[in-house]
Amino acid sequence: MSTAFYVCAVITAASALVSLGYSVVALLSAGSDAELNARYTTSRSMALALVSFVPFFYHSTDFLAGIAITMIVVQFLDAVIGWNERDRLKTYGPAITGVVNLLALIWLR
């Protein structure tokens, strides 16, 4: 596989793992009212993280593109949430990650 493939795969997996990390932290710190929502968030993040590693074993450009697009959308939506919360780190971090992932996807294609 090409360098572009592996760069896109690594960025996509890193993005999914960071999202999973935030979900786990939310789950561990959630009060009883928010715990159920945090569980759902963590389960979805876990699924995305696991699927993001498939391209390292099953070298499909189309499969990687699908996962990359999914994580790009997740990151941009996270940036919108950060913007609404007026939190620079939670706005610019996901936005930059989404842009970098988008550039890697464009390079891949």
PDB file of N, CA and C in Angstrom:
ATOM      1  N   MET A   1       0.843  -1.171   0.000  1.00  0.00           N
ATOM      2  CA  MET A   1       0.000   0.000   0.000  1.00  0.00           C
ATOM      3  C   MET A   1       0.896   1.243   0.000  1.00  0.00           C
ATOM      4  N   SER A   2       0.316   2.331  -0.408  1.00  0.00           N
ATOM      5  CA  SER A   2       1.067   3.572  -0.556  1.00  0.00           C
ATOM      6  C   SER A   2       1.227   4.299   0.775  1.00  0.00           C
ATOM      7  N   THR A   3       2.124   5.253   0.756  1.00  0.00           N
ATOM      8  CA  THR A   3       2.319   6.102   1.934  1.00  0.00           C
ATOM      9  C   THR A   3       1.034   6.849   2.268  1.00  0.00           C
ATOM     10  N   ALA A   4       0.337   7.324   1.241  1.00  0.00           N
ATOM     11  CA  ALA A   4      -0.925   8.051   1.459  1.00  0.00           C
ATOM     12  C   ALA A   4      -1.930   7.180   2.201  1.00  0.00           C
ATOM     13  N   PHE A   5      -1.982   5.907   1.865  1.00  0.00           N
ATOM     14  CA  PHE A   5      -2.908   4.982   2.530  1.00  0.00           C
ATOM     15  C   PHE A   5      -2.604   4.919   4.027  1.00  0.00           C
ATOM     16  N   TYR A   6      -1.333   4.706   4.351  1.00  0.00           N
ATOM     17  CA  TYR A   6      -0.967   4.545   5.762  1.00  0.00           C
ATOM     18  C   TYR A   6      -1.091   5.859   6.543  1.00  0.00           C
ATOM     19  N   VAL A   7      -0.795   6.975   5.912  1.00  0.00           N
ATOM     20  CA  VAL A   7      -0.968   8.266   6.586  1.00  0.00           C
ATOM     21  C   VAL A   7      -2.445   8.487   6.906  1.00  0.00           C
ATOM     22  N   CYS A   8      -3.296   8.235   5.943  1.00  0.00           N
ATOM     23  CA  CYS A   8      -4.742   8.402   6.162  1.00  0.00           C
ATOM     24  C   CYS A   8      -5.236   7.423   7.230  1.00  0.00           C
ATOM     25  N   ALA A   9      -4.747   6.188   7.191  1.00  0.00           N
ATOM     26  CA  ALA A   9      -5.171   5.184   8.170  1.00  0.00           C
ATOM     27  C   ALA A   9      -4.731   5.566   9.582  1.00  0.00           C
ATOM     28  N   VAL A  10      -3.510   6.055   9.726  1.00  0.00           N
ATOM     29  CA  VAL A  10      -3.012   6.438  11.055  1.00  0.00           C
ATOM     30  C   VAL A  10      -3.779   7.642  11.587  1.00  0.00           C
ATOM     31  N   ILE A  11      -4.004   8.642  10.752  1.00  0.00           N
ATOM     32  CA  ILE A  11      -4.745   9.833  11.202  1.00  0.00           C
ATOM     33  C   ILE A  11      -6.173   9.449  11.580  1.00  0.00           C
ATOM     34  N   THR A  12      -6.792   8.604  10.790  1.00  0.00           N
ATOM     35  CA  THR A  12      -8.166   8.178  11.075  1.00  0.00           C
ATOM     36  C   THR A  12      -8.234   7.396  12.383  1.00  0.00           C
ATOM     37  N   ALA A  13      -7.309   6.471  12.583  1.00  0.00           N
ATOM     38  CA  ALA A  13      -7.291   5.687  13.822  1.00  0.00           C
ATOM     39  C   ALA A  13      -7.003   6.581  15.031  1.00  0.00           C
ATOM     40  N   ALA A  14      -6.065   7.502  14.889  1.00  0.00           N
ATOM     41  CA  ALA A  14      -5.758   8.419  15.996  1.00  0.00           C
ATOM     42  C   ALA A  14      -6.979   9.252  16.351  1.00  0.00           C
ATOM     43  N   SER A  15      -7.686   9.719  15.347  1.00  0.00           N
ATOM     44  CA  SER A  15      -8.897  10.499  15.575  1.00  0.00           C
ATOM     45  C   SER A  15      -9.938   9.678  16.332  1.00  0.00           C
ATOM     46  N   ALA A  16     -10.113   8.425  15.921  1.00  0.00           N
ATOM     47  CA  ALA A  16     -11.091   7.556  16.589  1.00  0.00           C
ATOM     48  C   ALA A  16     -10.674   7.257  18.025  1.00  0.00           C
ATOM     49  N   LEU A  17      -9.380   7.064  18.252  1.00  0.00           N
ATOM     50  CA  LEU A  17      -8.904   6.776  19.606  1.00  0.00           C
ATOM     51  C   LEU A  17      -9.050   7.985  20.531  1.00  0.00           C
ATOM     52  N   VAL A  18      -8.812   9.181  20.010  1.00  0.00           N
ATOM     53  CA  VAL A  18      -9.008  10.389  20.822  1.00  0.00           C
ATOM     54  C   VAL A  18     -10.484  10.533  21.188  1.00  0.00           C
ATOM     55  N   SER A  19     -11.357  10.302  20.230  1.00  0.00           N
ATOM     56  CA  SER A  19     -12.796  10.361  20.519  1.00  0.00           C
ATOM     57  C   SER A  19     -13.183   9.327  21.572  1.00  0.00           C
ATOM     58  N   LEU A  20     -12.629   8.129  21.456  1.00  0.00           N
ATOM     59  CA  LEU A  20     -12.895   7.092  22.457  1.00  0.00           C
ATOM     60  C   LEU A  20     -12.390   7.535  23.827  1.00  0.00           C
ATOM     61  N   GLY A  21     -11.222   8.122  23.865  1.00  0.00           N
ATOM     62  CA  GLY A  21     -10.670   8.601  25.138  1.00  0.00           C
ATOM     63  C   GLY A  21     -11.584   9.602  25.813  1.00  0.00           C
ATOM     64  N   TYR A  22     -12.082  10.570  25.040  1.00  0.00           N
ATOM     65  CA  TYR A  22     -13.012  11.553  25.608  1.00  0.00           C
ATOM     66  C   TYR A  22     -14.289  10.881  26.105  1.00  0.00           C
ATOM     67  N   SER A  23     -14.762   9.878  25.378  1.00  0.00           N
ATOM     68  CA  SER A  23     -15.971   9.166  25.794  1.00  0.00           C
ATOM     69  C   SER A  23     -15.757   8.405  27.089  1.00  0.00           C
ATOM     70  N   VAL A  24     -14.610   7.756  27.224  1.00  0.00           N
ATOM     71  CA  VAL A  24     -14.309   7.008  28.447  1.00  0.00           C
ATOM     72  C   VAL A  24     -14.189   7.953  29.634  1.00  0.00           C
ATOM     73  N   VAL A  25     -13.528   9.091  29.441  1.00  0.00           N
ATOM     74  CA  VAL A  25     -13.420  10.082  30.514  1.00  0.00           C
ATOM     75  C   VAL A  25     -14.804  10.569  30.915  1.00  0.00           C
ATOM     76  N   ALA A  26     -15.668  10.814  29.930  1.00  0.00           N
ATOM     77  CA  ALA A  26     -17.038  11.253  30.234  1.00  0.00           C
ATOM     78  C   ALA A  26     -17.785  10.170  31.006  1.00  0.00           C
ATOM     79  N   LEU A  27     -17.578   8.923  30.626  1.00  0.00           N
ATOM     80  CA  LEU A  27     -18.243   7.818  31.320  1.00  0.00           C
ATOM     81  C   LEU A  27     -17.779   7.710  32.766  1.00  0.00           C
ATOM     82  N   LEU A  28     -16.471   7.827  32.971  1.00  0.00           N
ATOM     83  CA  LEU A  28     -15.928   7.692  34.323  1.00  0.00           C
ATOM     84  C   LEU A  28     -16.305   8.855  35.234  1.00  0.00           C
ATOM     85  N   SER A  29     -16.553  10.020  34.643  1.00  0.00           N
ATOM     86  CA  SER A  29     -16.868  11.188  35.462  1.00  0.00           C
ATOM     87  C   SER A  29     -18.359  11.528  35.476  1.00  0.00           C
ATOM     88  N   ALA A  30     -19.161  10.744  34.785  1.00  0.00           N
ATOM     89  CA  ALA A  30     -20.586  11.047  34.676  1.00  0.00           C
ATOM     90  C   ALA A  30     -21.317  10.779  35.984  1.00  0.00           C
ATOM     91  N   GLY A  31     -22.226  11.669  36.289  1.00  0.00           N
ATOM     92  CA  GLY A  31     -23.124  11.435  37.414  1.00  0.00           C
ATOM     93  C   GLY A  31     -24.199  10.453  36.988  1.00  0.00           C
ATOM     94  N   SER A  32     -25.041  10.080  37.895  1.00  0.00           N
ATOM     95  CA  SER A  32     -26.043   9.056  37.597  1.00  0.00           C
ATOM     96  C   SER A  32     -26.983   9.465  36.463  1.00  0.00           C
ATOM     97  N   ASP A  33     -27.307  10.753  36.361  1.00  0.00           N
ATOM     98  CA  ASP A  33     -28.215  11.208  35.306  1.00  0.00           C
ATOM     99  C   ASP A  33     -27.582  11.110  33.924  1.00  0.00           C
ATOM    100  N   ALA A  34     -26.282  11.355  33.815  1.00  0.00           N
ATOM    101  CA  ALA A  34     -25.596  11.380  32.522  1.00  0.00           C
ATOM    102  C   ALA A  34     -24.927  10.062  32.179  1.00  0.00           C
ATOM    103  N   GLU A  35     -24.931   9.113  33.099  1.00  0.00           N
ATOM    104  CA  GLU A  35     -24.195   7.869  32.878  1.00  0.00           C
ATOM    105  C   GLU A  35     -24.717   7.078  31.686  1.00  0.00           C
ATOM    106  N   LEU A  36     -26.010   7.003  31.513  1.00  0.00           N
ATOM    107  CA  LEU A  36     -26.574   6.246  30.395  1.00  0.00           C
ATOM    108  C   LEU A  36     -26.131   6.848  29.062  1.00  0.00           C
ATOM    109  N   ASN A  37     -26.205   8.160  28.941  1.00  0.00           N
ATOM    110  CA  ASN A  37     -25.758   8.817  27.705  1.00  0.00           C
ATOM    111  C   ASN A  37     -24.272   8.577  27.473  1.00  0.00           C
ATOM    112  N   ALA A  38     -23.484   8.623  28.521  1.00  0.00           N
ATOM    113  CA  ALA A  38     -22.048   8.380  28.397  1.00  0.00           C
ATOM    114  C   ALA A  38     -21.770   6.945  27.962  1.00  0.00           C
ATOM    115  N   ARG A  39     -22.580   6.009  28.419  1.00  0.00           N
ATOM    116  CA  ARG A  39     -22.411   4.611  27.982  1.00  0.00           C
ATOM    117  C   ARG A  39     -22.655   4.474  26.480  1.00  0.00           C
ATOM    118  N   TYR A  40     -23.748   5.092  26.006  1.00  0.00           N
ATOM    119  CA  TYR A  40     -24.044   5.048  24.576  1.00  0.00           C
ATOM    120  C   TYR A  40     -22.930   5.704  23.764  1.00  0.00           C
ATOM    121  N   THR A  41     -22.448   6.837  24.225  1.00  0.00           N
ATOM    122  CA  THR A  41     -21.368   7.535  23.532  1.00  0.00           C
ATOM    123  C   THR A  41     -20.113   6.669  23.488  1.00  0.00           C
ATOM    124  N   THR A  42     -19.791   6.039  24.592  1.00  0.00           N
ATOM    125  CA  THR A  42     -18.605   5.187  24.650  1.00  0.00           C
ATOM    126  C   THR A  42     -18.750   3.972  23.739  1.00  0.00           C
ATOM    127  N   SER A  43     -19.925   3.382  23.688  1.00  0.00           N
ATOM    128  CA  SER A  43     -20.104   2.200  22.829  1.00  0.00           C
ATOM    129  C   SER A  43     -19.922   2.569  21.359  1.00  0.00           C
ATOM    130  N   ARG A  44     -20.427   3.701  20.957  1.00  0.00           N
ATOM    131  CA  ARG A  44     -20.264   4.130  19.563  1.00  0.00           C
ATOM    132  C   ARG A  44     -18.817   4.496  19.263  1.00  0.00           C
ATOM    133  N   SER A  45     -18.177   5.146  20.200  1.00  0.00           N
ATOM    134  CA  SER A  45     -16.767   5.499  20.014  1.00  0.00           C
ATOM    135  C   SER A  45     -15.895   4.249  19.962  1.00  0.00           C
ATOM    136  N   MET A  46     -16.215   3.258  20.774  1.00  0.00           N
ATOM    137  CA  MET A  46     -15.473   2.000  20.757  1.00  0.00           C
ATOM    138  C   MET A  46     -15.624   1.317  19.400  1.00  0.00           C
ATOM    139  N   ALA A  47     -16.826   1.320  18.862  1.00  0.00           N
ATOM    140  CA  ALA A  47     -17.053   0.708  17.549  1.00  0.00           C
ATOM    141  C   ALA A  47     -16.235   1.422  16.471  1.00  0.00           C
ATOM    142  N   LEU A  48     -16.249   2.749  16.483  1.00  0.00           N
ATOM    143  CA  LEU A  48     -15.467   3.506  15.499  1.00  0.00           C
ATOM    144  C   LEU A  48     -13.975   3.240  15.654  1.00  0.00           C
ATOM    145  N   ALA A  49     -13.501   3.163  16.884  1.00  0.00           N
ATOM    146  CA  ALA A  49     -12.083   2.903  17.119  1.00  0.00           C
ATOM    147  C   ALA A  49     -11.693   1.516  16.603  1.00  0.00           C
ATOM    148  N   LEU A  50     -12.509   0.523  16.885  1.00  0.00           N
ATOM    149  CA  LEU A  50     -12.202  -0.832  16.413  1.00  0.00           C
ATOM    150  C   LEU A  50     -12.213  -0.908  14.890  1.00  0.00           C
ATOM    151  N   VAL A  51     -13.206  -0.313  14.278  1.00  0.00           N
ATOM    152  CA  VAL A  51     -13.313  -0.348  12.819  1.00  0.00           C
ATOM    153  C   VAL A  51     -12.175   0.434  12.164  1.00  0.00           C
ATOM    154  N   SER A  52     -11.665   1.449  12.849  1.00  0.00           N
ATOM    155  CA  SER A  52     -10.587   2.251  12.259  1.00  0.00           C
ATOM    156  C   SER A  52      -9.288   1.460  12.100  1.00  0.00           C
ATOM    157  N   PHE A  53      -9.174   0.324  12.776  1.00  0.00           N
ATOM    158  CA  PHE A  53      -7.971  -0.501  12.646  1.00  0.00           C
ATOM    159  C   PHE A  53      -8.081  -1.554  11.535  1.00  0.00           C
ATOM    160  N   VAL A  54      -9.265  -1.747  11.003  1.00  0.00           N
ATOM    161  CA  VAL A  54      -9.460  -2.738   9.934  1.00  0.00           C
ATOM    162  C   VAL A  54      -8.555  -2.466   8.724  1.00  0.00           C
ATOM    163  N   PRO A  55      -8.395  -1.220   8.267  1.00  0.00           N
ATOM    164  CA  PRO A  55      -7.544  -0.987   7.089  1.00  0.00           C
ATOM    165  C   PRO A  55      -6.088  -1.439   7.246  1.00  0.00           C
ATOM    166  N   PHE A  56      -5.605  -1.565   8.470  1.00  0.00           N
ATOM    167  CA  PHE A  56      -4.243  -2.040   8.665  1.00  0.00           C
ATOM    168  C   PHE A  56      -4.111  -3.537   8.345  1.00  0.00           C
ATOM    169  N   PHE A  57      -5.230  -4.250   8.350  1.00  0.00           N
ATOM    170  CA  PHE A  57      -5.221  -5.684   8.102  1.00  0.00           C
ATOM    171  C   PHE A  57      -5.890  -6.049   6.774  1.00  0.00           C
ATOM    172  N   TYR A  58      -6.888  -5.265   6.399  1.00  0.00           N
ATOM    173  CA  TYR A  58      -7.625  -5.473   5.158  1.00  0.00           C
ATOM    174  C   TYR A  58      -7.420  -4.220   4.329  1.00  0.00           C
ATOM    175  N   HIS A  59      -6.504  -4.261   3.422  1.00  0.00           N
ATOM    176  CA  HIS A  59      -6.040  -3.075   2.693  1.00  0.00           C
ATOM    177  C   HIS A  59      -7.008  -2.669   1.583  1.00  0.00           C
ATOM    178  N   SER A  60      -8.097  -2.047   1.993  1.00  0.00           N
ATOM    179  CA  SER A  60      -9.089  -1.568   1.045  1.00  0.00           C
ATOM    180  C   SER A  60      -9.146  -0.042   1.101  1.00  0.00           C
ATOM    181  N   THR A  61      -8.820   0.579  -0.016  1.00  0.00           N
ATOM    182  CA  THR A  61      -8.869   2.039  -0.085  1.00  0.00           C
ATOM    183  C   THR A  61     -10.298   2.541   0.122  1.00  0.00           C
ATOM    184  N   ASP A  62     -11.265   1.846  -0.454  1.00  0.00           N
ATOM    185  CA  ASP A  62     -12.658   2.268  -0.301  1.00  0.00           C
ATOM    186  C   ASP A  62     -13.122   2.157   1.148  1.00  0.00           C
ATOM    187  N   PHE A  63     -12.735   1.080   1.825  1.00  0.00           N
ATOM    188  CA  PHE A  63     -13.103   0.908   3.232  1.00  0.00           C
ATOM    189  C   PHE A  63     -12.475   2.017   4.072  1.00  0.00           C
ATOM    190  N   LEU A  64     -11.191   2.287   3.844  1.00  0.00           N
ATOM    191  CA  LEU A  64     -10.515   3.359   4.575  1.00  0.00           C
ATOM    192  C   LEU A  64     -11.173   4.702   4.302  1.00  0.00           C
ATOM    193  N   ALA A  65     -11.535   4.948   3.065  1.00  0.00           N
ATOM    194  CA  ALA A  65     -12.196   6.221   2.729  1.00  0.00           C
ATOM    195  C   ALA A  65     -13.511   6.363   3.499  1.00  0.00           C
ATOM    196  N   GLY A  66     -14.263   5.282   3.604  1.00  0.00           N
ATOM    197  CA  GLY A  66     -15.529   5.330   4.350  1.00  0.00           C
ATOM    198  C   GLY A  66     -15.319   5.658   5.815  1.00  0.00           C
ATOM    199  N   ILE A  67     -14.329   5.036   6.421  1.00  0.00           N
ATOM    200  CA  ILE A  67     -14.047   5.302   7.842  1.00  0.00           C
ATOM    201  C   ILE A  67     -13.507   6.724   8.018  1.00  0.00           C
ATOM    202  N   ALA A  68     -12.630   7.131   7.101  1.00  0.00           N
ATOM    203  CA  ALA A  68     -12.064   8.480   7.184  1.00  0.00           C
ATOM    204  C   ALA A  68     -13.169   9.532   7.082  1.00  0.00           C
ATOM    205  N   ILE A  69     -14.086   9.343   6.148  1.00  0.00           N
ATOM    206  CA  ILE A  69     -15.202  10.295   6.004  1.00  0.00           C
ATOM    207  C   ILE A  69     -16.030  10.333   7.280  1.00  0.00           C
ATOM    208  N   THR A  70     -16.289   9.174   7.857  1.00  0.00           N
ATOM    209  CA  THR A  70     -17.052   9.119   9.108  1.00  0.00           C
ATOM    210  C   THR A  70     -16.352   9.914  10.209  1.00  0.00           C
ATOM    211  N   MET A  71     -15.043   9.713  10.361  1.00  0.00           N
ATOM    212  CA  MET A  71     -14.308  10.415  11.418  1.00  0.00           C
ATOM    213  C   MET A  71     -14.172  11.909  11.122  1.00  0.00           C
ATOM    214  N   ILE A  72     -14.098  12.279   9.850  1.00  0.00           N
ATOM    215  CA  ILE A  72     -14.068  13.701   9.497  1.00  0.00           C
ATOM    216  C   ILE A  72     -15.375  14.367   9.927  1.00  0.00           C
ATOM    217  N   VAL A  73     -16.482  13.716   9.662  1.00  0.00           N
ATOM    218  CA  VAL A  73     -17.789  14.263  10.073  1.00  0.00           C
ATOM    219  C   VAL A  73     -17.866  14.347  11.596  1.00  0.00           C
ATOM    220  N   VAL A  74     -17.431  13.299  12.292  1.00  0.00           N
ATOM    221  CA  VAL A  74     -17.442  13.301  13.758  1.00  0.00           C
ATOM    222  C   VAL A  74     -16.611  14.474  14.283  1.00  0.00           C
ATOM    223  N   GLN A  75     -15.412  14.656  13.740  1.00  0.00           N
ATOM    224  CA  GLN A  75     -14.536  15.730  14.224  1.00  0.00           C
ATOM    225  C   GLN A  75     -15.149  17.103  13.960  1.00  0.00           C
ATOM    226  N   PHE A  76     -15.717  17.304  12.788  1.00  0.00           N
ATOM    227  CA  PHE A  76     -16.326  18.609  12.514  1.00  0.00           C
ATOM    228  C   PHE A  76     -17.545  18.861  13.403  1.00  0.00           C
ATOM    229  N   LEU A  77     -18.326  17.831  13.688  1.00  0.00           N
ATOM    230  CA  LEU A  77     -19.453  17.996  14.610  1.00  0.00           C
ATOM    231  C   LEU A  77     -18.963  18.264  16.032  1.00  0.00           C
ATOM    232  N   ASP A  78     -17.872  17.605  16.433  1.00  0.00           N
ATOM    233  CA  ASP A  78     -17.272  17.888  17.743  1.00  0.00           C
ATOM    234  C   ASP A  78     -16.801  19.344  17.812  1.00  0.00           C
ATOM    235  N   ALA A  79     -16.254  19.844  16.713  1.00  0.00           N
ATOM    236  CA  ALA A  79     -15.807  21.242  16.679  1.00  0.00           C
ATOM    237  C   ALA A  79     -16.993  22.194  16.845  1.00  0.00           C
ATOM    238  N   VAL A  80     -18.123  21.857  16.260  1.00  0.00           N
ATOM    239  CA  VAL A  80     -19.330  22.685  16.417  1.00  0.00           C
ATOM    240  C   VAL A  80     -19.771  22.690  17.876  1.00  0.00           C
ATOM    241  N   ILE A  81     -19.723  21.532  18.517  1.00  0.00           N
ATOM    242  CA  ILE A  81     -20.078  21.456  19.938  1.00  0.00           C
ATOM    243  C   ILE A  81     -19.113  22.303  20.759  1.00  0.00           C
ATOM    244  N   GLY A  82     -17.823  22.196  20.471  1.00  0.00           N
ATOM    245  CA  GLY A  82     -16.829  23.013  21.170  1.00  0.00           C
ATOM    246  C   GLY A  82     -17.073  24.497  20.965  1.00  0.00           C
ATOM    247  N   TRP A  83     -17.441  24.862  19.748  1.00  0.00           N
ATOM    248  CA  TRP A  83     -17.748  26.271  19.431  1.00  0.00           C
ATOM    249  C   TRP A  83     -18.940  26.749  20.261  1.00  0.00           C
ATOM    250  N   ASN A  84     -19.972  25.932  20.325  1.00  0.00           N
ATOM    251  CA  ASN A  84     -21.159  26.295  21.107  1.00  0.00           C
ATOM    252  C   ASN A  84     -20.851  26.406  22.593  1.00  0.00           C
ATOM    253  N   GLU A  85     -19.875  25.628  23.060  1.00  0.00           N
ATOM    254  CA  GLU A  85     -19.465  25.672  24.469  1.00  0.00           C
ATOM    255  C   GLU A  85     -18.435  26.773  24.735  1.00  0.00           C
ATOM    256  N   ARG A  86     -18.003  27.442  23.662  1.00  0.00           N
ATOM    257  CA  ARG A  86     -16.987  28.503  23.746  1.00  0.00           C
ATOM    258  C   ARG A  86     -15.674  27.986  24.360  1.00  0.00           C
ATOM    259  N   ASP A  87     -15.306  26.767  23.953  1.00  0.00           N
ATOM    260  CA  ASP A  87     -14.092  26.127  24.426  1.00  0.00           C
ATOM    261  C   ASP A  87     -13.133  26.014  23.233  1.00  0.00           C
ATOM    262  N   ARG A  88     -12.058  26.792  23.271  1.00  0.00           N
ATOM    263  CA  ARG A  88     -11.138  26.825  22.129  1.00  0.00           C
ATOM    264  C   ARG A  88     -10.507  25.467  21.847  1.00  0.00           C
ATOM    265  N   LEU A  89     -10.055  24.776  22.891  1.00  0.00           N
ATOM    266  CA  LEU A  89      -9.417  23.475  22.703  1.00  0.00           C
ATOM    267  C   LEU A  89     -10.377  22.486  22.053  1.00  0.00           C
ATOM    268  N   LYS A  90     -11.617  22.474  22.508  1.00  0.00           N
ATOM    269  CA  LYS A  90     -12.608  21.536  21.980  1.00  0.00           C
ATOM    270  C   LYS A  90     -13.191  21.996  20.647  1.00  0.00           C
ATOM    271  N   THR A  91     -12.831  23.209  20.226  1.00  0.00           N
ATOM    272  CA  THR A  91     -13.222  23.682  18.901  1.00  0.00           C
ATOM    273  C   THR A  91     -12.097  23.445  17.902  1.00  0.00           C
ATOM    274  N   TYR A  92     -10.922  23.984  18.207  1.00  0.00           N
ATOM    275  CA  TYR A  92      -9.818  23.928  17.248  1.00  0.00           C
ATOM    276  C   TYR A  92      -9.179  22.554  17.146  1.00  0.00           C
ATOM    277  N   GLY A  93      -9.110  21.811  18.240  1.00  0.00           N
ATOM    278  CA  GLY A  93      -8.532  20.468  18.194  1.00  0.00           C
ATOM    279  C   GLY A  93      -9.256  19.574  17.195  1.00  0.00           C
ATOM    280  N   PRO A  94     -10.564  19.383  17.357  1.00  0.00           N
ATOM    281  CA  PRO A  94     -11.289  18.552  16.397  1.00  0.00           C
ATOM    282  C   PRO A  94     -11.317  19.150  14.984  1.00  0.00           C
ATOM    283  N   ALA A  95     -11.404  20.471  14.886  1.00  0.00           N
ATOM    284  CA  ALA A  95     -11.439  21.092  13.554  1.00  0.00           C
ATOM    285  C   ALA A  95     -10.134  20.833  12.807  1.00  0.00           C
ATOM    286  N   ILE A  96      -9.019  21.003  13.495  1.00  0.00           N
ATOM    287  CA  ILE A  96      -7.720  20.762  12.862  1.00  0.00           C
ATOM    288  C   ILE A  96      -7.564  19.287  12.513  1.00  0.00           C
ATOM    289  N   THR A  97      -7.968  18.414  13.415  1.00  0.00           N
ATOM    290  CA  THR A  97      -7.898  16.980  13.144  1.00  0.00           C
ATOM    291  C   THR A  97      -8.751  16.625  11.930  1.00  0.00           C
ATOM    292  N   GLY A  98      -9.939  17.190  11.849  1.00  0.00           N
ATOM    293  CA  GLY A  98     -10.822  16.942  10.702  1.00  0.00           C
ATOM    294  C   GLY A  98     -10.213  17.424   9.397  1.00  0.00           C
ATOM    295  N   VAL A  99      -9.595  18.602   9.417  1.00  0.00           N
ATOM    296  CA  VAL A  99      -8.969  19.138   8.208  1.00  0.00           C
ATOM    297  C   VAL A  99      -7.783  18.269   7.788  1.00  0.00           C
ATOM    298  N   VAL A 100      -6.953  17.883   8.758  1.00  0.00           N
ATOM    299  CA  VAL A 100      -5.798  17.030   8.447  1.00  0.00           C
ATOM    300  C   VAL A 100      -6.271  15.689   7.887  1.00  0.00           C
ATOM    301  N   ASN A 101      -7.311  15.121   8.476  1.00  0.00           N
ATOM    302  CA  ASN A 101      -7.854  13.858   7.973  1.00  0.00           C
ATOM    303  C   ASN A 101      -8.426  14.034   6.571  1.00  0.00           C
ATOM    304  N   LEU A 102      -9.084  15.167   6.322  1.00  0.00           N
ATOM    305  CA  LEU A 102      -9.621  15.448   4.994  1.00  0.00           C
ATOM    306  C   LEU A 102      -8.497  15.563   3.967  1.00  0.00           C
ATOM    307  N   LEU A 103      -7.428  16.256   4.324  1.00  0.00           N
ATOM    308  CA  LEU A 103      -6.281  16.388   3.413  1.00  0.00           C
ATOM    309  C   LEU A 103      -5.649  15.022   3.136  1.00  0.00           C
ATOM    310  N   ALA A 104      -5.545  14.178   4.161  1.00  0.00           N
ATOM    311  CA  ALA A 104      -5.003  12.832   3.965  1.00  0.00           C
ATOM    312  C   ALA A 104      -5.911  12.018   3.049  1.00  0.00           C
ATOM    313  N   LEU A 105      -7.224  12.185   3.196  1.00  0.00           N
ATOM    314  CA  LEU A 105      -8.167  11.472   2.339  1.00  0.00           C
ATOM    315  C   LEU A 105      -8.052  11.944   0.892  1.00  0.00           C
ATOM    316  N   ILE A 106      -7.915  13.246   0.702  1.00  0.00           N
ATOM    317  CA  ILE A 106      -7.748  13.781  -0.653  1.00  0.00           C
ATOM    318  C   ILE A 106      -6.460  13.231  -1.281  1.00  0.00           C
ATOM    319  N   TRP A 107      -5.392  13.179  -0.499  1.00  0.00           N
ATOM    320  CA  TRP A 107      -4.130  12.616  -0.979  1.00  0.00           C
ATOM    321  C   TRP A 107      -4.316  11.143  -1.336  1.00  0.00           C
ATOM    322  N   LEU A 108      -5.056  10.420  -0.520  1.00  0.00           N
ATOM    323  CA  LEU A 108      -5.306   9.005  -0.780  1.00  0.00           C
ATOM    324  C   LEU A 108      -6.054   8.804  -2.088  1.00  0.00           C
ATOM    325  N   ARG A 109      -7.044   9.631  -2.337  1.00  0.00           N
ATOM    326  CA  ARG A 109      -7.900   9.485  -3.522  1.00  0.00           C
ATOM    327  C   ARG A 109      -7.206  10.028  -4.745  1.00  0.00           C
TER     328      ARG A 109
END
